Structures are given as C-alpha cells and as structure tokens.
C-alpha cells in the first residue's frame, strides 16, 4: 500500500478566524489517519516543530538538530503522518 503524506499550514493576523477554520477542518478529518500539530507561536522555528513531533507521542528528543530532524522524520514515516 502506498501512503501519501501531506502537510498544511494556516497563517494570518490575530482575530482573522484561523482557529475557527482549523476546528471546522478537524471535524471533517478521519482522526485515526491524521496527526495535528498546533503551533501557537510562529516564532518557535523549525527545530521546535521537530521537538514537538518527537515529544507528542512520548519520545525523548535527541539533543542536536543533526540528530533531532532525522528522529522526527523517522517517527512521521513510521506513523504514516504528514511530512
């Protein structure tokens, strides 16, 4: 079986309705097949997002970006979640 992976993002000014749009979208998803990561502060950066991917399922993130990114990628691949 071939798994297609996708990632999406939503940005906008405060009060523009991002949370409402995300909630409406989430209600239409087949939850066992999709993983959602919510980043409230866009200034956190890519390393923080990889850290969140590893810690969300209870993992212990590796200390360096050169090892953290492959760790997060492996977890996404194993779970079949969007990359």
PDB file of N, CA and C in Angstrom:
ATOM      1  N   UNK A   1       0.841  -1.169   0.000  1.00  0.00           N
ATOM      2  CA  UNK A   1       0.000   0.000   0.000  1.00  0.00           C
ATOM      3  C   UNK A   1       0.890   1.238   0.000  1.00  0.00           C
ATOM      4  N   UNK A   2       0.543   2.193  -0.817  1.00  0.00           N
ATOM      5  CA  UNK A   2       1.293   3.447  -0.896  1.00  0.00           C
ATOM      6  C   UNK A   2       0.606   4.507  -0.040  1.00  0.00           C
ATOM      7  N   UNK A   3       1.386   5.126   0.822  1.00  0.00           N
ATOM      8  CA  UNK A   3       0.832   6.189   1.668  1.00  0.00           C
ATOM      9  C   UNK A   3       1.247   7.536   1.113  1.00  0.00           C
ATOM     10  N   UNK A   4       0.297   8.405   0.946  1.00  0.00           N
ATOM     11  CA  UNK A   4       0.613   9.763   0.551  1.00  0.00           C
ATOM     12  C   UNK A   4       0.681  10.605   1.810  1.00  0.00           C
ATOM     13  N   UNK A   5       1.674  11.459   1.870  1.00  0.00           N
ATOM     14  CA  UNK A   5       1.808  12.328   3.030  1.00  0.00           C
ATOM     15  C   UNK A   5       1.718  13.772   2.573  1.00  0.00           C
ATOM     16  N   UNK A   6       1.097  14.569   3.380  1.00  0.00           N
ATOM     17  CA  UNK A   6       0.929  15.986   3.095  1.00  0.00           C
ATOM     18  C   UNK A   6       1.022  16.760   4.405  1.00  0.00           C
ATOM     19  N   UNK A   7       1.407  18.002   4.272  1.00  0.00           N
ATOM     20  CA  UNK A   7       1.425  18.906   5.416  1.00  0.00           C
ATOM     21  C   UNK A   7       0.710  20.176   5.001  1.00  0.00           C
ATOM     22  N   UNK A   8       0.079  20.806   5.935  1.00  0.00           N
ATOM     23  CA  UNK A   8      -0.618  22.052   5.644  1.00  0.00           C
ATOM     24  C   UNK A   8      -0.346  23.059   6.731  1.00  0.00           C
ATOM     25  N   UNK A   9      -0.611  24.278   6.431  1.00  0.00           N
ATOM     26  CA  UNK A   9      -0.419  25.336   7.418  1.00  0.00           C
ATOM     27  C   UNK A   9      -1.446  26.424   7.211  1.00  0.00           C
ATOM     28  N   UNK A  10      -1.717  27.140   8.260  1.00  0.00           N
ATOM     29  CA  UNK A  10      -2.630  28.268   8.176  1.00  0.00           C
ATOM     30  C   UNK A  10      -1.997  29.427   8.933  1.00  0.00           C
ATOM     31  N   UNK A  11      -1.975  30.581   8.316  1.00  0.00           N
ATOM     32  CA  UNK A  11      -1.396  31.765   8.935  1.00  0.00           C
ATOM     33  C   UNK A  11      -2.367  32.930   8.782  1.00  0.00           C
ATOM     34  N   UNK A  12      -2.147  33.963   9.555  1.00  0.00           N
ATOM     35  CA  UNK A  12      -2.979  35.152   9.428  1.00  0.00           C
ATOM     36  C   UNK A  12      -2.884  36.036  10.646  1.00  0.00           C
ATOM     37  N   UNK A  13      -3.461  37.187  10.516  1.00  0.00           N
ATOM     38  CA  UNK A  13      -3.476  38.161  11.610  1.00  0.00           C
ATOM     39  C   UNK A  13      -4.324  37.649  12.770  1.00  0.00           C
ATOM     40  N   UNK A  14      -4.064  38.182  13.947  1.00  0.00           N
ATOM     41  CA  UNK A  14      -4.867  37.844  15.127  1.00  0.00           C
ATOM     42  C   UNK A  14      -6.321  38.223  14.859  1.00  0.00           C
ATOM     43  N   UNK A  15      -7.225  37.318  15.185  1.00  0.00           N
ATOM     44  CA  UNK A  15      -8.650  37.588  15.018  1.00  0.00           C
ATOM     45  C   UNK A  15      -9.183  37.327  13.620  1.00  0.00           C
ATOM     46  N   UNK A  16      -8.357  36.769  12.746  1.00  0.00           N
ATOM     47  CA  UNK A  16      -8.779  36.546  11.356  1.00  0.00           C
ATOM     48  C   UNK A  16      -9.650  35.300  11.188  1.00  0.00           C
ATOM     49  N   UNK A  17      -9.721  34.466  12.205  1.00  0.00           N
ATOM     50  CA  UNK A  17     -10.554  33.270  12.122  1.00  0.00           C
ATOM     51  C   UNK A  17      -9.786  31.983  11.880  1.00  0.00           C
ATOM     52  N   UNK A  18      -8.483  31.988  12.162  1.00  0.00           N
ATOM     53  CA  UNK A  18      -7.670  30.784  11.946  1.00  0.00           C
ATOM     54  C   UNK A  18      -8.168  29.616  12.790  1.00  0.00           C
ATOM     55  N   UNK A  19      -8.417  29.864  14.057  1.00  0.00           N
ATOM     56  CA  UNK A  19      -8.851  28.786  14.957  1.00  0.00           C
ATOM     57  C   UNK A  19     -10.193  28.214  14.508  1.00  0.00           C
ATOM     58  N   UNK A  20     -11.102  29.053  14.079  1.00  0.00           N
ATOM     59  CA  UNK A  20     -12.406  28.587  13.596  1.00  0.00           C
ATOM     60  C   UNK A  20     -12.229  27.718  12.360  1.00  0.00           C
ATOM     61  N   UNK A  21     -11.370  28.154  11.440  1.00  0.00           N
ATOM     62  CA  UNK A  21     -11.119  27.379  10.227  1.00  0.00           C
ATOM     63  C   UNK A  21     -10.490  26.026  10.547  1.00  0.00           C
ATOM     64  N   UNK A  22      -9.545  26.018  11.481  1.00  0.00           N
ATOM     65  CA  UNK A  22      -8.893  24.760  11.861  1.00  0.00           C
ATOM     66  C   UNK A  22      -9.889  23.825  12.526  1.00  0.00           C
ATOM     67  N   UNK A  23     -10.700  24.335  13.437  1.00  0.00           N
ATOM     68  CA  UNK A  23     -11.698  23.478  14.104  1.00  0.00           C
ATOM     69  C   UNK A  23     -12.672  22.887  13.088  1.00  0.00           C
ATOM     70  N   UNK A  24     -13.122  23.681  12.137  1.00  0.00           N
ATOM     71  CA  UNK A  24     -14.040  23.184  11.112  1.00  0.00           C
ATOM     72  C   UNK A  24     -13.365  22.097  10.269  1.00  0.00           C
ATOM     73  N   UNK A  25     -12.106  22.304   9.924  1.00  0.00           N
ATOM     74  CA  UNK A  25     -11.365  21.312   9.141  1.00  0.00           C
ATOM     75  C   UNK A  25     -11.163  20.024   9.923  1.00  0.00           C
ATOM     76  N   UNK A  26     -10.800  20.158  11.195  1.00  0.00           N
ATOM     77  CA  UNK A  26     -10.552  18.976  12.027  1.00  0.00           C
ATOM     78  C   UNK A  26     -11.803  18.120  12.172  1.00  0.00           C
ATOM     79  N   UNK A  27     -12.964  18.753  12.201  1.00  0.00           N
ATOM     80  CA  UNK A  27     -14.197  17.989  12.373  1.00  0.00           C
ATOM     81  C   UNK A  27     -14.478  17.100  11.161  1.00  0.00           C
ATOM     82  N   UNK A  28     -13.841  17.382  10.033  1.00  0.00           N
ATOM     83  CA  UNK A  28     -14.053  16.605   8.812  1.00  0.00           C
ATOM     84  C   UNK A  28     -12.999  15.510   8.591  1.00  0.00           C
ATOM     85  N   UNK A  29     -11.961  15.481   9.424  1.00  0.00           N
ATOM     86  CA  UNK A  29     -10.873  14.518   9.239  1.00  0.00           C
ATOM     87  C   UNK A  29     -11.216  13.145   9.794  1.00  0.00           C
ATOM     88  N   UNK A  30     -10.629  12.138   9.192  1.00  0.00           N
ATOM     89  CA  UNK A  30     -10.669  10.786   9.725  1.00  0.00           C
ATOM     90  C   UNK A  30      -9.534  10.724  10.750  1.00  0.00           C
ATOM     91  N   UNK A  31      -9.857  10.950  12.020  1.00  0.00           N
ATOM     92  CA  UNK A  31      -8.845  11.157  13.056  1.00  0.00           C
ATOM     93  C   UNK A  31      -7.782  10.061  13.195  1.00  0.00           C
ATOM     94  N   UNK A  32      -8.091   8.791  13.065  1.00  0.00           N
ATOM     95  CA  UNK A  32      -7.020   7.794  13.172  1.00  0.00           C
ATOM     96  C   UNK A  32      -5.961   7.913  12.062  1.00  0.00           C
ATOM     97  N   UNK A  33      -6.300   8.543  10.950  1.00  0.00           N
ATOM     98  CA  UNK A  33      -5.365   8.641   9.826  1.00  0.00           C
ATOM     99  C   UNK A  33      -4.585   9.941   9.805  1.00  0.00           C
ATOM    100  N   UNK A  34      -4.909  10.896  10.665  1.00  0.00           N
ATOM    101  CA  UNK A  34      -4.279  12.215  10.609  1.00  0.00           C
ATOM    102  C   UNK A  34      -3.687  12.618  11.957  1.00  0.00           C
ATOM    103  N   UNK A  35      -2.571  13.312  11.891  1.00  0.00           N
ATOM    104  CA  UNK A  35      -1.933  13.863  13.084  1.00  0.00           C
ATOM    105  C   UNK A  35      -1.966  15.384  12.957  1.00  0.00           C
ATOM    106  N   UNK A  36      -2.245  16.055  14.035  1.00  0.00           N
ATOM    107  CA  UNK A  36      -2.326  17.512  14.023  1.00  0.00           C
ATOM    108  C   UNK A  36      -1.336  18.059  15.037  1.00  0.00           C
ATOM    109  N   UNK A  37      -0.556  19.031  14.601  1.00  0.00           N
ATOM    110  CA  UNK A  37       0.362  19.730  15.489  1.00  0.00           C
ATOM    111  C   UNK A  37      -0.015  21.197  15.435  1.00  0.00           C
ATOM    112  N   UNK A  38      -0.322  21.753  16.581  1.00  0.00           N
ATOM    113  CA  UNK A  38      -0.720  23.153  16.661  1.00  0.00           C
ATOM    114  C   UNK A  38       0.437  23.964  17.226  1.00  0.00           C
ATOM    115  N   UNK A  39       0.877  24.958  16.480  1.00  0.00           N
ATOM    116  CA  UNK A  39       1.958  25.841  16.907  1.00  0.00           C
ATOM    117  C   UNK A  39       1.359  27.236  17.050  1.00  0.00           C
ATOM    118  N   UNK A  40       1.172  27.668  18.291  1.00  0.00           N
ATOM    119  CA  UNK A  40       0.528  28.957  18.526  1.00  0.00           C
ATOM    120  C   UNK A  40       1.467  30.134  18.288  1.00  0.00           C
ATOM    121  N   UNK A  41       2.749  29.912  18.418  1.00  0.00           N
ATOM    122  CA  UNK A  41       3.723  30.995  18.270  1.00  0.00           C
ATOM    123  C   UNK A  41       4.583  30.722  17.039  1.00  0.00           C
ATOM    124  N   UNK A  42       4.387  31.473  15.951  1.00  0.00           N
ATOM    125  CA  UNK A  42       5.136  31.201  14.731  1.00  0.00           C
ATOM    126  C   UNK A  42       6.632  31.491  14.835  1.00  0.00           C
ATOM    127  N   UNK A  43       7.068  32.101  15.914  1.00  0.00           N
ATOM    128  CA  UNK A  43       8.491  32.418  16.078  1.00  0.00           C
ATOM    129  C   UNK A  43       9.281  31.252  16.655  1.00  0.00           C
ATOM    130  N   UNK A  44       8.634  30.111  16.893  1.00  0.00           N
ATOM    131  CA  UNK A  44       9.321  28.999  17.541  1.00  0.00           C
ATOM    132  C   UNK A  44      10.373  28.349  16.661  1.00  0.00           C
ATOM    133  N   UNK A  45      10.196  28.329  15.372  1.00  0.00           N
ATOM    134  CA  UNK A  45      11.194  27.789  14.462  1.00  0.00           C
ATOM    135  C   UNK A  45      11.047  26.307  14.178  1.00  0.00           C
ATOM    136  N   UNK A  46      11.783  25.882  13.190  1.00  0.00           N
ATOM    137  CA  UNK A  46      11.716  24.509  12.703  1.00  0.00           C
ATOM    138  C   UNK A  46      12.192  23.504  13.754  1.00  0.00           C
ATOM    139  N   UNK A  47      13.250  23.832  14.483  1.00  0.00           N
ATOM    140  CA  UNK A  47      13.759  22.893  15.499  1.00  0.00           C
ATOM    141  C   UNK A  47      12.687  22.607  16.549  1.00  0.00           C
ATOM    142  N   UNK A  48      11.928  23.620  16.942  1.00  0.00           N
ATOM    143  CA  UNK A  48      10.870  23.401  17.930  1.00  0.00           C
ATOM    144  C   UNK A  48       9.794  22.492  17.373  1.00  0.00           C
ATOM    145  N   UNK A  49       9.460  22.651  16.107  1.00  0.00           N
ATOM    146  CA  UNK A  49       8.442  21.795  15.497  1.00  0.00           C
ATOM    147  C   UNK A  49       8.907  20.342  15.503  1.00  0.00           C
ATOM    148  N   UNK A  50      10.164  20.096  15.151  1.00  0.00           N
ATOM    149  CA  UNK A  50      10.699  18.729  15.204  1.00  0.00           C
ATOM    150  C   UNK A  50      10.682  18.206  16.638  1.00  0.00           C
ATOM    151  N   UNK A  51      11.012  19.056  17.592  1.00  0.00           N
ATOM    152  CA  UNK A  51      10.972  18.680  19.011  1.00  0.00           C
ATOM    153  C   UNK A  51       9.553  18.264  19.388  1.00  0.00           C
ATOM    154  N   UNK A  52       8.556  19.026  18.956  1.00  0.00           N
ATOM    155  CA  UNK A  52       7.160  18.711  19.263  1.00  0.00           C
ATOM    156  C   UNK A  52       6.729  17.394  18.635  1.00  0.00           C
ATOM    157  N   UNK A  53       7.193  17.115  17.426  1.00  0.00           N
ATOM    158  CA  UNK A  53       6.857  15.857  16.756  1.00  0.00           C
ATOM    159  C   UNK A  53       7.378  14.669  17.558  1.00  0.00           C
ATOM    160  N   UNK A  54       8.555  14.800  18.123  1.00  0.00           N
ATOM    161  CA  UNK A  54       9.156  13.706  18.890  1.00  0.00           C
ATOM    162  C   UNK A  54       8.491  13.561  20.259  1.00  0.00           C
ATOM    163  N   UNK A  55       8.216  14.682  20.943  1.00  0.00           N
ATOM    164  CA  UNK A  55       7.668  14.593  22.302  1.00  0.00           C
ATOM    165  C   UNK A  55       6.176  14.293  22.341  1.00  0.00           C
ATOM    166  N   UNK A  56       5.426  14.612  21.279  1.00  0.00           N
ATOM    167  CA  UNK A  56       3.973  14.384  21.286  1.00  0.00           C
ATOM    168  C   UNK A  56       3.605  12.937  21.590  1.00  0.00           C
ATOM    169  N   UNK A  57       4.269  11.947  20.979  1.00  0.00           N
ATOM    170  CA  UNK A  57       3.933  10.558  21.316  1.00  0.00           C
ATOM    171  C   UNK A  57       4.713  10.025  22.514  1.00  0.00           C
ATOM    172  N   UNK A  58       5.418  10.900  23.250  1.00  0.00           N
ATOM    173  CA  UNK A  58       6.150  10.479  24.438  1.00  0.00           C
ATOM    174  C   UNK A  58       7.623  10.190  24.207  1.00  0.00           C
ATOM    175  N   UNK A  59       8.144  10.567  23.058  1.00  0.00           N
ATOM    176  CA  UNK A  59       9.558  10.332  22.766  1.00  0.00           C
ATOM    177  C   UNK A  59      10.474  11.310  23.477  1.00  0.00           C
ATOM    178  N   UNK A  60      11.726  10.960  23.526  1.00  0.00           N
ATOM    179  CA  UNK A  60      12.749  11.826  24.116  1.00  0.00           C
ATOM    180  C   UNK A  60      13.575  12.396  22.970  1.00  0.00           C
ATOM    181  N   UNK A  61      13.492  13.710  22.747  1.00  0.00           N
ATOM    182  CA  UNK A  61      14.200  14.290  21.608  1.00  0.00           C
ATOM    183  C   UNK A  61      15.708  14.228  21.760  1.00  0.00           C
ATOM    184  N   UNK A  62      16.373  13.981  20.660  1.00  0.00           N
ATOM    185  CA  UNK A  62      17.832  13.984  20.651  1.00  0.00           C
ATOM    186  C   UNK A  62      18.319  15.430  20.777  1.00  0.00           C
ATOM    187  N   UNK A  63      19.507  15.631  21.347  1.00  0.00           N
ATOM    188  CA  UNK A  63      19.924  16.982  21.718  1.00  0.00           C
ATOM    189  C   UNK A  63      20.391  17.892  20.585  1.00  0.00           C
ATOM    190  N   UNK A  64      20.777  17.352  19.454  1.00  0.00           N
ATOM    191  CA  UNK A  64      21.325  18.185  18.391  1.00  0.00           C
ATOM    192  C   UNK A  64      20.424  18.147  17.162  1.00  0.00           C
ATOM    193  N   UNK A  65      20.336  19.278  16.476  1.00  0.00           N
ATOM    194  CA  UNK A  65      19.473  19.369  15.302  1.00  0.00           C
ATOM    195  C   UNK A  65      19.817  18.300  14.265  1.00  0.00           C
ATOM    196  N   UNK A  66      21.109  17.996  14.123  1.00  0.00           N
ATOM    197  CA  UNK A  66      21.518  17.000  13.124  1.00  0.00           C
ATOM    198  C   UNK A  66      20.996  15.602  13.445  1.00  0.00           C
ATOM    199  N   UNK A  67      20.637  15.333  14.691  1.00  0.00           N
ATOM    200  CA  UNK A  67      20.060  14.038  15.052  1.00  0.00           C
ATOM    201  C   UNK A  67      18.558  14.143  15.340  1.00  0.00           C
ATOM    202  N   UNK A  68      18.094  15.329  15.724  1.00  0.00           N
ATOM    203  CA  UNK A  68      16.678  15.530  16.029  1.00  0.00           C
ATOM    204  C   UNK A  68      15.820  15.462  14.767  1.00  0.00           C
ATOM    205  N   UNK A  69      16.263  16.096  13.689  1.00  0.00           N
ATOM    206  CA  UNK A  69      15.467  16.120  12.461  1.00  0.00           C
ATOM    207  C   UNK A  69      15.260  14.705  11.902  1.00  0.00           C
ATOM    208  N   UNK A  70      16.314  13.881  11.792  1.00  0.00           N
ATOM    209  CA  UNK A  70      16.063  12.506  11.330  1.00  0.00           C
ATOM    210  C   UNK A  70      15.171  11.707  12.291  1.00  0.00           C
ATOM    211  N   UNK A  71      15.285  11.961  13.576  1.00  0.00           N
ATOM    212  CA  UNK A  71      14.439  11.281  14.556  1.00  0.00           C
ATOM    213  C   UNK A  71      12.974  11.626  14.303  1.00  0.00           C
ATOM    214  N   UNK A  72      12.685  12.896  14.108  1.00  0.00           N
ATOM    215  CA  UNK A  72      11.306  13.333  13.839  1.00  0.00           C
ATOM    216  C   UNK A  72      10.810  12.764  12.514  1.00  0.00           C
ATOM    217  N   UNK A  73      11.667  12.765  11.508  1.00  0.00           N
ATOM    218  CA  UNK A  73      11.294  12.226  10.197  1.00  0.00           C
ATOM    219  C   UNK A  73      10.968  10.743  10.297  1.00  0.00           C
ATOM    220  N   UNK A  74      11.761   9.996  11.050  1.00  0.00           N
ATOM    221  CA  UNK A  74      11.512   8.561  11.230  1.00  0.00           C
ATOM    222  C   UNK A  74      10.173   8.323  11.929  1.00  0.00           C
ATOM    223  N   UNK A  75       9.861   9.134  12.940  1.00  0.00           N
ATOM    224  CA  UNK A  75       8.589   8.981  13.641  1.00  0.00           C
ATOM    225  C   UNK A  75       7.409   9.275  12.730  1.00  0.00           C
ATOM    226  N   UNK A  76       7.530  10.327  11.929  1.00  0.00           N
ATOM    227  CA  UNK A  76       6.447  10.650  10.988  1.00  0.00           C
ATOM    228  C   UNK A  76       6.261   9.526   9.980  1.00  0.00           C
ATOM    229  N   UNK A  77       7.360   8.985   9.472  1.00  0.00           N
ATOM    230  CA  UNK A  77       7.283   7.908   8.481  1.00  0.00           C
ATOM    231  C   UNK A  77       6.654   6.651   9.094  1.00  0.00           C
ATOM    232  N   UNK A  78       7.070   6.316  10.307  1.00  0.00           N
ATOM    233  CA  UNK A  78       6.557   5.123  10.970  1.00  0.00           C
ATOM    234  C   UNK A  78       5.060   5.250  11.255  1.00  0.00           C
ATOM    235  N   UNK A  79       4.619   6.469  11.571  1.00  0.00           N
ATOM    236  CA  UNK A  79       3.216   6.689  11.892  1.00  0.00           C
ATOM    237  C   UNK A  79       2.387   6.923  10.644  1.00  0.00           C
ATOM    238  N   UNK A  80       3.052   7.164   9.513  1.00  0.00           N
ATOM    239  CA  UNK A  80       2.321   7.444   8.303  1.00  0.00           C
ATOM    240  C   UNK A  80       1.684   8.810   8.306  1.00  0.00           C
ATOM    241  N   UNK A  81       2.244   9.733   9.094  1.00  0.00           N
ATOM    242  CA  UNK A  81       1.675  11.067   9.181  1.00  0.00           C
ATOM    243  C   UNK A  81       2.341  12.011   8.199  1.00  0.00           C
ATOM    244  N   UNK A  82       1.722  13.165   7.991  1.00  0.00           N
ATOM    245  CA  UNK A  82       2.248  14.123   7.030  1.00  0.00           C
ATOM    246  C   UNK A  82       3.667  14.550   7.329  1.00  0.00           C
ATOM    247  N   UNK A  83       4.436  14.708   6.286  1.00  0.00           N
ATOM    248  CA  UNK A  83       5.809  15.176   6.460  1.00  0.00           C
ATOM    249  C   UNK A  83       5.987  16.546   5.876  1.00  0.00           C
TER     250      UNK A  83
END
